C-alpha atoms as a PDB file:
ATOM      1  CA  MET A   1      83.098  43.876  59.757  1.00  0.00           C
ATOM      2  CA  ASP A   2      85.449  43.674  56.812  1.00  0.00           C
ATOM      3  CA  GLU A   3      83.786  41.001  54.706  1.00  0.00           C
ATOM      4  CA  GLN A   4      81.450  41.843  51.864  1.00  0.00           C
ATOM      5  CA  GLN A   5      77.858  41.736  53.061  1.00  0.00           C
ATOM      6  CA  ALA A   6      75.987  38.500  52.486  1.00  0.00           C
ATOM      7  CA  HIS A   7      72.656  40.368  52.356  1.00  0.00           C
ATOM      8  CA  PRO A   8      71.136  42.642  49.723  1.00  0.00           C
ATOM      9  CA  VAL A   9      71.783  46.243  50.691  1.00  0.00           C
ATOM     10  CA  ARG A  10      68.478  47.624  51.935  1.00  0.00           C
ATOM     11  CA  ILE A  11      69.819  49.929  54.621  1.00  0.00           C
ATOM     12  CA  PRO A  12      72.435  52.542  53.683  1.00  0.00           C
ATOM     13  CA  LEU A  13      75.760  52.596  55.484  1.00  0.00           C
ATOM     14  CA  ARG A  14      77.121  55.746  57.089  1.00  0.00           C
ATOM     15  CA  ALA A  15      80.627  56.471  58.311  1.00  0.00           C
ATOM     16  CA  LEU A  16      81.229  57.012  62.012  1.00  0.00           C
ATOM     17  CA  GLY A  17      84.969  57.323  62.264  1.00  0.00           C
ATOM     18  CA  SER A  18      86.454  54.057  61.011  1.00  0.00           C
ATOM     19  CA  LEU A  19      83.100  52.257  61.161  1.00  0.00           C
ATOM     20  CA  ASN A  20      80.493  52.031  58.422  1.00  0.00           C
ATOM     21  CA  LEU A  21      77.310  51.511  60.399  1.00  0.00           C
ATOM     22  CA  PRO A  22      73.855  50.835  58.971  1.00  0.00           C
ATOM     23  CA  ALA A  23      71.513  53.815  59.196  1.00  0.00           C
ATOM     24  CA  ILE A  24      69.186  51.665  61.335  1.00  0.00           C
ATOM     25  CA  LEU A  25      70.529  49.978  64.450  1.00  0.00           C
ATOM     26  CA  ILE A  26      68.630  47.582  66.686  1.00  0.00           C
ATOM     27  CA  GLY A  27      68.454  48.767  70.281  1.00  0.00           C
ATOM     28  CA  MET A  28      68.534  46.325  73.179  1.00  0.00           C
ATOM     29  CA  TRP A  29      67.673  48.542  76.153  1.00  0.00           C
ATOM     30  CA  GLN A  30      64.275  46.859  76.494  1.00  0.00           C
ATOM     31  CA  VAL A  31      65.932  43.694  77.837  1.00  0.00           C
ATOM     32  CA  ALA A  32      67.025  45.714  80.893  1.00  0.00           C
ATOM     33  CA  GLY A  33      63.506  45.466  82.342  1.00  0.00           C
ATOM     34  CA  GLY A  34      60.206  47.289  82.216  1.00  0.00           C
ATOM     35  CA  HIS A  35      59.178  45.731  78.902  1.00  0.00           C
ATOM     36  CA  GLY A  36      58.378  42.141  79.840  1.00  0.00           C
ATOM     37  CA  LYS A  37      60.382  39.059  80.796  1.00  0.00           C
ATOM     38  CA  VAL A  38      63.110  38.076  78.342  1.00  0.00           C
ATOM     39  CA  ASN A  39      63.656  34.506  77.184  1.00  0.00           C
ATOM     40  CA  MET A  40      67.401  34.442  76.424  1.00  0.00           C
ATOM     41  CA  PRO A  41      67.501  31.530  73.910  1.00  0.00           C
ATOM     42  CA  LYS A  42      64.517  33.006  72.081  1.00  0.00           C
ATOM     43  CA  ALA A  43      66.133  36.451  72.104  1.00  0.00           C
ATOM     44  CA  VAL A  44      69.285  35.022  70.507  1.00  0.00           C
ATOM     45  CA  GLU A  45      67.243  33.377  67.748  1.00  0.00           C
ATOM     46  CA  GLU A  46      65.393  36.611  67.113  1.00  0.00           C
ATOM     47  CA  MET A  47      68.689  38.499  66.792  1.00  0.00           C
ATOM     48  CA  LYS A  48      69.647  36.001  64.092  1.00  0.00           C
ATOM     49  CA  ARG A  49      66.439  36.821  62.232  1.00  0.00           C
ATOM     50  CA  TYR A  50      67.209  40.528  62.437  1.00  0.00           C
ATOM     51  CA  ALA A  51      70.725  39.912  61.133  1.00  0.00           C
ATOM     52  CA  ASN A  52      69.516  37.646  58.323  1.00  0.00           C
ATOM     53  CA  ALA A  53      67.119  40.402  57.249  1.00  0.00           C
ATOM     54  CA  GLY A  54      70.008  42.878  56.990  1.00  0.00           C
ATOM     55  CA  PHE A  55      69.959  44.565  60.408  1.00  0.00           C
ATOM     56  CA  LEU A  56      73.627  44.104  61.226  1.00  0.00           C
ATOM     57  CA  ALA A  57      74.211  46.515  64.120  1.00  0.00           C
ATOM     58  CA  PHE A  58      73.052  46.191  67.724  1.00  0.00           C
ATOM     59  CA  ASP A  59      73.163  48.835  70.432  1.00  0.00           C
ATOM     60  CA  MET A  60      73.432  47.883  74.115  1.00  0.00           C
ATOM     61  CA  ALA A  61      75.014  48.960  77.420  1.00  0.00           C
ATOM     62  CA  ASP A  62      76.764  47.552  80.443  1.00  0.00           C
ATOM     63  CA  ILE A  63      73.678  48.513  82.499  1.00  0.00           C
ATOM     64  CA  TYR A  64      71.077  46.927  80.188  1.00  0.00           C
ATOM     65  CA  GLY A  65      70.674  43.768  82.251  1.00  0.00           C
ATOM     66  CA  PRO A  66      71.732  40.723  80.180  1.00  0.00           C
ATOM     67  CA  ALA A  67      72.057  42.650  76.882  1.00  0.00           C
ATOM     68  CA  GLU A  68      75.822  42.167  76.448  1.00  0.00           C
ATOM     69  CA  GLU A  69      75.555  38.475  77.353  1.00  0.00           C
ATOM     70  CA  ILE A  70      72.698  37.935  74.899  1.00  0.00           C
ATOM     71  CA  TYR A  71      74.788  39.620  72.218  1.00  0.00           C
ATOM     72  CA  GLY A  72      77.761  37.402  73.097  1.00  0.00           C
ATOM     73  CA  ARG A  73      75.674  34.241  72.741  1.00  0.00           C
ATOM     74  CA  PHE A  74      74.241  35.481  69.459  1.00  0.00           C
ATOM     75  CA  LEU A  75      77.668  36.362  68.060  1.00  0.00           C
ATOM     76  CA  LYS A  76      79.041  32.941  69.009  1.00  0.00           C
ATOM     77  CA  ASP A  77      76.169  31.141  67.258  1.00  0.00           C
ATOM     78  CA  TYR A  78      75.740  33.345  64.196  1.00  0.00           C
ATOM     79  CA  GLU A  79      77.469  31.996  61.109  1.00  0.00           C
ATOM     80  CA  HIS A  80      78.076  35.464  59.627  1.00  0.00           C
ATOM     81  CA  SER A  81      79.400  36.975  62.848  1.00  0.00           C
ATOM     82  CA  LYS A  82      82.106  38.959  61.054  1.00  0.00           C
ATOM     83  CA  LEU A  83      79.357  41.038  59.440  1.00  0.00           C
ATOM     84  CA  ILE A  84      77.961  42.201  62.774  1.00  0.00           C
ATOM     85  CA  TYR A  85      78.540  45.416  64.701  1.00  0.00           C
ATOM     86  CA  GLY A  86      78.003  45.533  68.449  1.00  0.00           C
ATOM     87  CA  ILE A  87      78.158  48.954  70.056  1.00  0.00           C
ATOM     88  CA  THR A  88      77.874  49.240  73.821  1.00  0.00           C
ATOM     89  CA  LYS A  89      77.909  51.889  76.534  1.00  0.00           C
ATOM     90  CA  PHE A  90      80.064  52.603  79.565  1.00  0.00           C
ATOM     91  CA  VAL A  91      77.769  53.989  82.276  1.00  0.00           C
ATOM     92  CA  PRO A  92      79.801  54.109  85.489  1.00  0.00           C
ATOM     93  CA  ARG A  93      78.691  55.081  88.953  1.00  0.00           C
ATOM     94  CA  PRO A  94      80.207  58.375  90.123  1.00  0.00           C
ATOM     95  CA  GLY A  95      83.706  57.860  91.442  1.00  0.00           C
ATOM     96  CA  PRO A  96      87.375  57.799  90.452  1.00  0.00           C
ATOM     97  CA  MET A  97      87.894  57.263  86.740  1.00  0.00           C
ATOM     98  CA  SER A  98      91.465  55.980  86.716  1.00  0.00           C
ATOM     99  CA  GLN A  99      92.803  54.055  83.753  1.00  0.00           C
ATOM    100  CA  SER A 100      92.517  50.786  85.687  1.00  0.00           C
ATOM    101  CA  VAL A 101      88.905  51.430  86.739  1.00  0.00           C
ATOM    102  CA  VAL A 102      87.794  52.213  83.191  1.00  0.00           C
ATOM    103  CA  GLU A 103      89.783  49.347  81.705  1.00  0.00           C
ATOM    104  CA  ALA A 104      88.271  46.828  84.136  1.00  0.00           C
ATOM    105  CA  SER A 105      84.772  47.803  83.016  1.00  0.00           C
ATOM    106  CA  ILE A 106      85.688  47.665  79.339  1.00  0.00           C
ATOM    107  CA  ASP A 107      87.264  44.242  79.827  1.00  0.00           C
ATOM    108  CA  GLN A 108      84.009  43.025  81.384  1.00  0.00           C
ATOM    109  CA  SER A 109      82.075  44.179  78.336  1.00  0.00           C
ATOM    110  CA  ARG A 110      84.589  42.516  76.009  1.00  0.00           C
ATOM    111  CA  LYS A 111      84.220  39.269  77.930  1.00  0.00           C
ATOM    112  CA  LYS A 112      80.413  39.324  77.989  1.00  0.00           C
ATOM    113  CA  MET A 113      80.172  40.235  74.303  1.00  0.00           C
ATOM    114  CA  GLY A 114      82.767  37.657  73.298  1.00  0.00           C
ATOM    115  CA  VAL A 115      85.055  40.022  71.399  1.00  0.00           C
ATOM    116  CA  GLN A 116      88.670  41.120  71.630  1.00  0.00           C
ATOM    117  CA  VAL A 117      87.878  44.619  70.374  1.00  0.00           C
ATOM    118  CA  LEU A 118      84.696  46.578  71.068  1.00  0.00           C
ATOM    119  CA  ASP A 119      83.428  48.269  67.901  1.00  0.00           C
ATOM    120  CA  MET A 120      82.276  51.348  69.813  1.00  0.00           C
ATOM    121  CA  VAL A 121      81.963  52.428  73.434  1.00  0.00           C
ATOM    122  CA  GLN A 122      79.511  55.234  74.174  1.00  0.00           C
ATOM    123  CA  PHE A 123      80.152  57.002  77.459  1.00  0.00           C
ATOM    124  CA  HIS A 124      77.434  58.377  79.761  1.00  0.00           C
ATOM    125  CA  TRP A 125      78.040  60.559  82.834  1.00  0.00           C
ATOM    126  CA  TRP A 126      75.412  61.559  85.372  1.00  0.00           C
ATOM    127  CA  ASP A 127      76.819  64.722  86.981  1.00  0.00           C
ATOM    128  CA  TYR A 128      78.570  67.463  85.030  1.00  0.00           C
ATOM    129  CA  ASN A 129      79.712  69.085  88.277  1.00  0.00           C
ATOM    130  CA  ASP A 130      81.972  66.063  88.760  1.00  0.00           C
ATOM    131  CA  GLU A 131      84.582  66.661  86.073  1.00  0.00           C
ATOM    132  CA  ARG A 132      86.047  63.189  86.353  1.00  0.00           C
ATOM    133  CA  TYR A 133      84.139  62.524  83.138  1.00  0.00           C
ATOM    134  CA  LEU A 134      87.203  64.038  81.447  1.00  0.00           C
ATOM    135  CA  ASP A 135      89.390  61.382  83.093  1.00  0.00           C
ATOM    136  CA  ALA A 136      87.024  58.710  81.783  1.00  0.00           C
ATOM    137  CA  THR A 137      87.125  59.952  78.200  1.00  0.00           C
ATOM    138  CA  ARG A 138      90.925  60.154  78.323  1.00  0.00           C
ATOM    139  CA  ALA A 139      91.044  56.564  79.584  1.00  0.00           C
ATOM    140  CA  LEU A 140      88.697  55.400  76.830  1.00  0.00           C
ATOM    141  CA  ASN A 141      90.833  57.103  74.190  1.00  0.00           C
ATOM    142  CA  GLN A 142      93.896  55.367  75.629  1.00  0.00           C
ATOM    143  CA  LEU A 143      92.101  52.010  75.315  1.00  0.00           C
ATOM    144  CA  LYS A 144      91.333  52.890  71.716  1.00  0.00           C
ATOM    145  CA  HIS A 145      95.038  53.562  71.186  1.00  0.00           C
ATOM    146  CA  GLU A 146      95.818  50.174  72.760  1.00  0.00           C
ATOM    147  CA  GLY A 147      93.406  48.377  70.442  1.00  0.00           C
ATOM    148  CA  LYS A 148      90.631  47.388  72.864  1.00  0.00           C
ATOM    149  CA  ILE A 149      88.131  49.851  71.377  1.00  0.00           C
ATOM    150  CA  ARG A 150      87.675  50.882  67.758  1.00  0.00           C
ATOM    151  CA  GLU A 151      85.770  54.112  68.341  1.00  0.00           C
ATOM    152  CA  VAL A 152      84.884  56.229  71.375  1.00  0.00           C
ATOM    153  CA  ALA A 153      81.536  58.015  71.498  1.00  0.00           C
ATOM    154  CA  LEU A 154      79.142  59.662  73.937  1.00  0.00           C
ATOM    155  CA  THR A 155      75.536  59.212  74.927  1.00  0.00           C
ATOM    156  CA  ASN A 156      73.121  61.783  76.341  1.00  0.00           C
ATOM    157  CA  PHE A 157      75.712  64.563  76.572  1.00  0.00           C
ATOM    158  CA  ASP A 158      74.676  68.155  75.955  1.00  0.00           C
ATOM    159  CA  THR A 159      76.458  70.382  73.463  1.00  0.00           C
ATOM    160  CA  ILE A 160      78.540  72.342  75.963  1.00  0.00           C
ATOM    161  CA  HIS A 161      80.054  69.294  77.644  1.00  0.00           C
ATOM    162  CA  MET A 162      80.512  67.401  74.395  1.00  0.00           C
ATOM    163  CA  ALA A 163      82.542  70.368  73.141  1.00  0.00           C
ATOM    164  CA  LYS A 164      84.525  70.434  76.381  1.00  0.00           C
ATOM    165  CA  ILE A 165      85.514  66.789  75.923  1.00  0.00           C
ATOM    166  CA  VAL A 166      86.682  67.419  72.361  1.00  0.00           C
ATOM    167  CA  SER A 167      88.560  70.562  73.444  1.00  0.00           C
ATOM    168  CA  SER A 168      90.408  68.470  76.041  1.00  0.00           C
ATOM    169  CA  GLY A 169      91.986  66.514  73.184  1.00  0.00           C
ATOM    170  CA  CYS A 170      89.738  63.439  73.243  1.00  0.00           C
ATOM    171  CA  SER A 171      88.362  62.076  70.003  1.00  0.00           C
ATOM    172  CA  ILE A 172      84.676  61.118  69.708  1.00  0.00           C
ATOM    173  CA  VAL A 173      82.693  60.014  66.661  1.00  0.00           C
ATOM    174  CA  SER A 174      79.089  60.348  67.842  1.00  0.00           C
ATOM    175  CA  ASN A 175      76.628  61.236  70.567  1.00  0.00           C
ATOM    176  CA  GLN A 176      73.503  59.133  71.110  1.00  0.00           C
ATOM    177  CA  VAL A 177      70.518  61.337  71.971  1.00  0.00           C
ATOM    178  CA  ILE A 178      66.737  61.474  71.839  1.00  0.00           C
ATOM    179  CA  TYR A 179      65.588  62.951  68.529  1.00  0.00           C
ATOM    180  CA  SER A 180      62.095  62.711  67.081  1.00  0.00           C
ATOM    181  CA  ILE A 181      59.580  64.668  65.058  1.00  0.00           C
ATOM    182  CA  ILE A 182      58.366  66.403  68.236  1.00  0.00           C
ATOM    183  CA  ASP A 183      61.619  66.385  70.232  1.00  0.00           C
ATOM    184  CA  THR A 184      63.893  68.553  68.136  1.00  0.00           C
ATOM    185  CA  ARG A 185      66.295  69.672  70.861  1.00  0.00           C
ATOM    186  CA  PRO A 186      69.344  68.541  68.813  1.00  0.00           C
ATOM    187  CA  GLU A 187      68.515  71.207  66.223  1.00  0.00           C
ATOM    188  CA  LYS A 188      69.073  74.107  68.646  1.00  0.00           C
ATOM    189  CA  LYS A 189      72.840  73.890  69.173  1.00  0.00           C
ATOM    190  CA  MET A 190      73.992  70.315  68.812  1.00  0.00           C
ATOM    191  CA  ILE A 191      73.592  69.677  65.096  1.00  0.00           C
ATOM    192  CA  PRO A 192      75.398  72.891  64.047  1.00  0.00           C
ATOM    193  CA  TRP A 193      78.260  71.967  66.400  1.00  0.00           C
ATOM    194  CA  CYS A 194      78.362  68.371  65.123  1.00  0.00           C
ATOM    195  CA  LEU A 195      78.516  69.503  61.504  1.00  0.00           C
ATOM    196  CA  GLU A 196      81.443  71.796  62.308  1.00  0.00           C
ATOM    197  CA  ASN A 197      83.312  69.102  64.246  1.00  0.00           C
ATOM    198  CA  ASN A 198      82.592  65.982  62.168  1.00  0.00           C
ATOM    199  CA  VAL A 199      80.617  64.273  64.936  1.00  0.00           C
ATOM    200  CA  ARG A 200      77.521  62.226  64.137  1.00  0.00           C
ATOM    201  CA  LEU A 201      74.338  61.730  66.106  1.00  0.00           C
ATOM    202  CA  LEU A 202      72.778  58.362  66.815  1.00  0.00           C
ATOM    203  CA  ALA A 203      69.101  59.051  67.422  1.00  0.00           C
ATOM    204  CA  TYR A 204      66.810  57.105  69.678  1.00  0.00           C
ATOM    205  CA  GLY A 205      63.222  57.692  70.794  1.00  0.00           C
ATOM    206  CA  SER A 206      62.327  58.488  67.185  1.00  0.00           C
ATOM    207  CA  LEU A 207      59.234  56.268  67.442  1.00  0.00           C
ATOM    208  CA  LEU A 208      58.256  57.665  70.859  1.00  0.00           C
ATOM    209  CA  GLY A 209      58.275  54.175  72.328  1.00  0.00           C
ATOM    210  CA  GLY A 210      55.699  53.027  69.756  1.00  0.00           C
ATOM    211  CA  PHE A 211      53.340  56.019  69.836  1.00  0.00           C
ATOM    212  CA  PHE A 212      54.279  56.821  66.227  1.00  0.00           C
ATOM    213  CA  SER A 213      52.265  53.931  64.805  1.00  0.00           C
ATOM    214  CA  ASN A 214      48.824  53.004  63.500  1.00  0.00           C
ATOM    215  CA  ARG A 215      48.078  51.474  66.885  1.00  0.00           C
ATOM    216  CA  TYR A 216      47.373  54.886  68.450  1.00  0.00           C
ATOM    217  CA  LEU A 217      45.693  56.585  65.495  1.00  0.00           C
ATOM    218  CA  GLY A 218      42.109  57.494  66.304  1.00  0.00           C
ATOM    219  CA  LYS A 219      42.370  56.088  69.811  1.00  0.00           C
ATOM    220  CA  PRO A 220      41.479  57.818  73.085  1.00  0.00           C
ATOM    221  CA  GLU A 221      44.292  59.135  75.240  1.00  0.00           C
ATOM    222  CA  PRO A 222      45.798  56.217  77.183  1.00  0.00           C
ATOM    223  CA  LYS A 223      45.348  56.227  80.931  1.00  0.00           C
ATOM    224  CA  ARG A 224      48.387  55.955  83.178  1.00  0.00           C
ATOM    225  CA  ALA A 225      47.654  52.279  83.870  1.00  0.00           C
ATOM    226  CA  GLU A 226      47.732  51.578  80.126  1.00  0.00           C
ATOM    227  CA  LEU A 227      51.295  52.879  79.784  1.00  0.00           C
ATOM    228  CA  ASN A 228      52.571  49.393  80.527  1.00  0.00           C
ATOM    229  CA  THR A 229      56.174  49.737  79.388  1.00  0.00           C
ATOM    230  CA  SER A 230      58.931  52.095  80.497  1.00  0.00           C
ATOM    231  CA  SER A 231      59.088  53.523  76.974  1.00  0.00           C
ATOM    232  CA  LEU A 232      55.383  54.363  76.775  1.00  0.00           C
ATOM    233  CA  ALA A 233      55.469  56.158  80.124  1.00  0.00           C
ATOM    234  CA  LYS A 234      58.590  58.087  79.152  1.00  0.00           C
ATOM    235  CA  TYR A 235      57.429  59.258  75.743  1.00  0.00           C
ATOM    236  CA  LYS A 236      53.858  60.034  76.768  1.00  0.00           C
ATOM    237  CA  TYR A 237      55.469  62.685  78.961  1.00  0.00           C
ATOM    238  CA  SER A 238      57.240  64.044  75.854  1.00  0.00           C
ATOM    239  CA  ILE A 239      53.922  64.252  74.007  1.00  0.00           C
ATOM    240  CA  ASP A 240      52.423  66.164  76.939  1.00  0.00           C
ATOM    241  CA  GLN A 241      55.397  68.541  77.032  1.00  0.00           C
ATOM    242  CA  TRP A 242      55.010  69.241  73.317  1.00  0.00           C
ATOM    243  CA  GLY A 243      51.228  69.531  73.119  1.00  0.00           C
ATOM    244  CA  ASN A 244      48.242  67.341  73.953  1.00  0.00           C
ATOM    245  CA  TRP A 245      46.588  64.156  72.737  1.00  0.00           C
ATOM    246  CA  ALA A 246      44.320  65.956  70.262  1.00  0.00           C
ATOM    247  CA  LEU A 247      47.292  67.644  68.600  1.00  0.00           C
ATOM    248  CA  PHE A 248      49.180  64.346  68.550  1.00  0.00           C
ATOM    249  CA  GLN A 249      46.206  62.756  66.768  1.00  0.00           C
ATOM    250  CA  GLU A 250      46.407  65.534  64.185  1.00  0.00           C
ATOM    251  CA  LEU A 251      50.086  64.701  63.670  1.00  0.00           C
ATOM    252  CA  LEU A 252      49.340  60.974  63.348  1.00  0.00           C
ATOM    253  CA  LEU A 253      46.735  61.746  60.679  1.00  0.00           C
ATOM    254  CA  VAL A 254      49.322  63.713  58.693  1.00  0.00           C
ATOM    255  CA  LEU A 255      51.857  60.904  59.044  1.00  0.00           C
ATOM    256  CA  LYS A 256      49.201  58.403  57.951  1.00  0.00           C
ATOM    257  CA  HIS A 257      48.540  60.443  54.800  1.00  0.00           C
ATOM    258  CA  ILE A 258      52.264  60.616  54.020  1.00  0.00           C
ATOM    259  CA  SER A 259      52.783  56.912  54.728  1.00  0.00           C
ATOM    260  CA  GLU A 260      49.976  55.927  52.345  1.00  0.00           C
ATOM    261  CA  LYS A 261      51.433  58.205  49.678  1.00  0.00           C
ATOM    262  CA  HIS A 262      54.764  56.330  49.865  1.00  0.00           C
ATOM    263  CA  GLY A 263      53.335  52.862  50.541  1.00  0.00           C
ATOM    264  CA  VAL A 264      54.932  52.493  53.968  1.00  0.00           C
ATOM    265  CA  SER A 265      53.880  52.785  57.624  1.00  0.00           C
ATOM    266  CA  ILE A 266      53.606  55.703  60.043  1.00  0.00           C
ATOM    267  CA  SER A 267      56.609  54.271  61.886  1.00  0.00           C
ATOM    268  CA  ASN A 268      58.667  54.203  58.693  1.00  0.00           C
ATOM    269  CA  VAL A 269      57.920  57.873  58.049  1.00  0.00           C
ATOM    270  CA  ALA A 270      58.849  58.843  61.627  1.00  0.00           C
ATOM    271  CA  VAL A 271      62.183  57.033  61.414  1.00  0.00           C
ATOM    272  CA  ARG A 272      63.025  58.264  57.928  1.00  0.00           C
ATOM    273  CA  TYR A 273      62.265  61.858  58.942  1.00  0.00           C
ATOM    274  CA  ILE A 274      65.058  61.672  61.527  1.00  0.00           C
ATOM    275  CA  ALA A 275      67.410  59.398  59.572  1.00  0.00           C
ATOM    276  CA  ASP A 276      67.678  61.973  56.781  1.00  0.00           C
ATOM    277  CA  LYS A 277      68.426  64.911  59.086  1.00  0.00           C
ATOM    278  CA  PRO A 278      71.866  66.576  58.927  1.00  0.00           C
ATOM    279  CA  ALA A 279      74.533  64.979  61.140  1.00  0.00           C
ATOM    280  CA  VAL A 280      72.437  61.887  61.867  1.00  0.00           C
ATOM    281  CA  GLY A 281      74.505  58.738  61.474  1.00  0.00           C
ATOM    282  CA  GLY A 282      71.737  56.334  62.346  1.00  0.00           C
ATOM    283  CA  VAL A 283      68.447  55.743  64.130  1.00  0.00           C
ATOM    284  CA  ILE A 284      68.180  53.168  66.887  1.00  0.00           C
ATOM    285  CA  ILE A 285      64.941  51.188  66.882  1.00  0.00           C
ATOM    286  CA  GLY A 286      64.259  49.295  70.083  1.00  0.00           C
ATOM    287  CA  ALA A 287      63.536  45.569  69.914  1.00  0.00           C
ATOM    288  CA  ARG A 288      61.590  43.728  72.602  1.00  0.00           C
ATOM    289  CA  LEU A 289      63.602  40.588  71.974  1.00  0.00           C
ATOM    290  CA  SER A 290      61.694  37.333  72.582  1.00  0.00           C
ATOM    291  CA  ILE A 291      58.485  39.347  73.158  1.00  0.00           C
ATOM    292  CA  SER A 292      57.610  41.101  69.880  1.00  0.00           C
ATOM    293  CA  GLU A 293      59.343  42.034  66.644  1.00  0.00           C
ATOM    294  CA  HIS A 294      58.788  44.298  63.642  1.00  0.00           C
ATOM    295  CA  ILE A 295      61.465  43.135  61.216  1.00  0.00           C
ATOM    296  CA  ALA A 296      59.383  43.242  58.028  1.00  0.00           C
ATOM    297  CA  SER A 297      57.983  46.684  58.820  1.00  0.00           C
ATOM    298  CA  ASN A 298      61.362  48.187  59.714  1.00  0.00           C
ATOM    299  CA  LEU A 299      62.805  47.015  56.399  1.00  0.00           C
ATOM    300  CA  GLN A 300      60.454  49.377  54.585  1.00  0.00           C
ATOM    301  CA  THR A 301      62.063  52.508  56.056  1.00  0.00           C
ATOM    302  CA  PHE A 302      64.366  53.062  53.074  1.00  0.00           C
ATOM    303  CA  ASN A 303      62.080  51.524  50.450  1.00  0.00           C
ATOM    304  CA  PHE A 304      61.038  54.932  49.130  1.00  0.00           C
ATOM    305  CA  THR A 305      63.129  57.750  47.703  1.00  0.00           C
ATOM    306  CA  SER A 306      62.687  60.331  50.455  1.00  0.00           C
ATOM    307  CA  LEU A 307      60.207  62.620  52.122  1.00  0.00           C
ATOM    308  CA  ASP A 308      59.519  65.491  49.726  1.00  0.00           C
ATOM    309  CA  GLU A 309      58.949  69.179  50.392  1.00  0.00           C
ATOM    310  CA  GLU A 310      55.185  68.712  50.591  1.00  0.00           C
ATOM    311  CA  ASP A 311      55.617  65.982  53.219  1.00  0.00           C
ATOM    312  CA  MET A 312      57.946  68.123  55.299  1.00  0.00           C
ATOM    313  CA  ALA A 313      55.623  71.130  55.104  1.00  0.00           C
ATOM    314  CA  LEU A 314      52.680  69.038  56.315  1.00  0.00           C
ATOM    315  CA  ILE A 315      54.684  67.696  59.255  1.00  0.00           C
ATOM    316  CA  HIS A 316      56.088  71.087  60.213  1.00  0.00           C
ATOM    317  CA  GLY A 317      52.622  72.614  59.989  1.00  0.00           C
ATOM    318  CA  VAL A 318      51.407  70.437  62.839  1.00  0.00           C
ATOM    319  CA  VAL A 319      54.628  70.306  64.868  1.00  0.00           C
ATOM    320  CA  SER A 320      54.767  74.122  64.970  1.00  0.00           C
ATOM    321  CA  LYS A 321      51.411  74.195  66.787  1.00  0.00           C
ATOM    322  CA  GLY A 322      53.072  72.557  69.779  1.00  0.00           C
ATOM    323  CA  ARG A 323      55.767  73.750  72.163  1.00  0.00           C
ATOM    324  CA  ALA A 324      59.472  73.236  71.560  1.00  0.00           C
ATOM    325  CA  LEU A 325      60.810  70.880  74.223  1.00  0.00           C
ATOM    326  CA  PRO A 326      63.023  72.817  76.639  1.00  0.00           C
ATOM    327  CA  GLY A 327      66.748  72.500  77.204  1.00  0.00           C
ATOM    328  CA  ASP A 328      69.425  70.500  75.443  1.00  0.00           C
ATOM    329  CA  CYS A 329      69.862  66.794  74.837  1.00  0.00           C
ATOM    330  CA  GLY A 330      70.322  64.698  77.959  1.00  0.00           C
ATOM    331  CA  ASP A 331      68.923  67.269  80.388  1.00  0.00           C
ATOM    332  CA  GLU A 332      66.199  64.827  81.405  1.00  0.00           C
ATOM    333  CA  TYR A 333      68.862  62.533  82.897  1.00  0.00           C
ATOM    334  CA  ARG A 334      70.322  65.236  85.129  1.00  0.00           C
ATOM    335  CA  PHE A 335      68.052  68.129  86.052  1.00  0.00           C
ATOM    336  CA  MET A 336      65.110  65.842  86.839  1.00  0.00           C
ATOM    337  CA  ARG A 337      67.139  63.542  89.117  1.00  0.00           C
END
């Protein structure tokens, strides 16, 4: 993305290595399933609307169903395609991570996404006891050297193993992890390490799958059957780990007060709270492409100066009544398996 932007700058850009990514990225994991059936042509048209509104970066993965193919169709059709960033993930099954194995997977992503060079590849590994993840990161760095990848990154790694990868001589620019007002695990060890090593965080789950919104303010606790998307089921568990529904309602009331003060929504406040944290390069907001969209609302995230000290004190006053979520980032993908 070397051309001057054709859109008014509403979303600040932040450097991740050689890339200048918007501070809000549109996540595509919902097309993988568990959020409703996806209409591919309609999804492509909706991506164009996001891009035309100024959301120029999309996050996906090789395991997100048709996500890379939808992106490829969008990029082919979009008239300002040179303005767009597409960042994907390499999520291999356990096994040998030779250069040829890794390259074959990366070539598949390049083909599906319709690009010669992938802007960023974020690597996920399921089992730390299998140290072939170091072979994979070396292979990815070699592909960066060869010009098939612009930047190598991680997703859902904890601090210890992220540091081990960097110590092995591999370069990474970011780690994509869950980070929200109530899930502050990155603040324990990861953010201090990232600040020392010039690594950014890409945050997801900052809206708790939609729980941080007016929709749930003043409402009774949803029953299990009402948690009708994968995201709602996942992040309701986070709420329960942190506190209970009554305490969450207290937090929503505080966020409502702050949102009215700044003329934005509860969701905007929740995203901005994380976007302005140290080491955060961007916040990924999931899009249920072809099913529902929140383009106009998301644009308001940076339409106020910042959260002030009073806002932060109000938020912290409620959050501190709950329990700190245990462990480090990414533990939920390993120790609960």
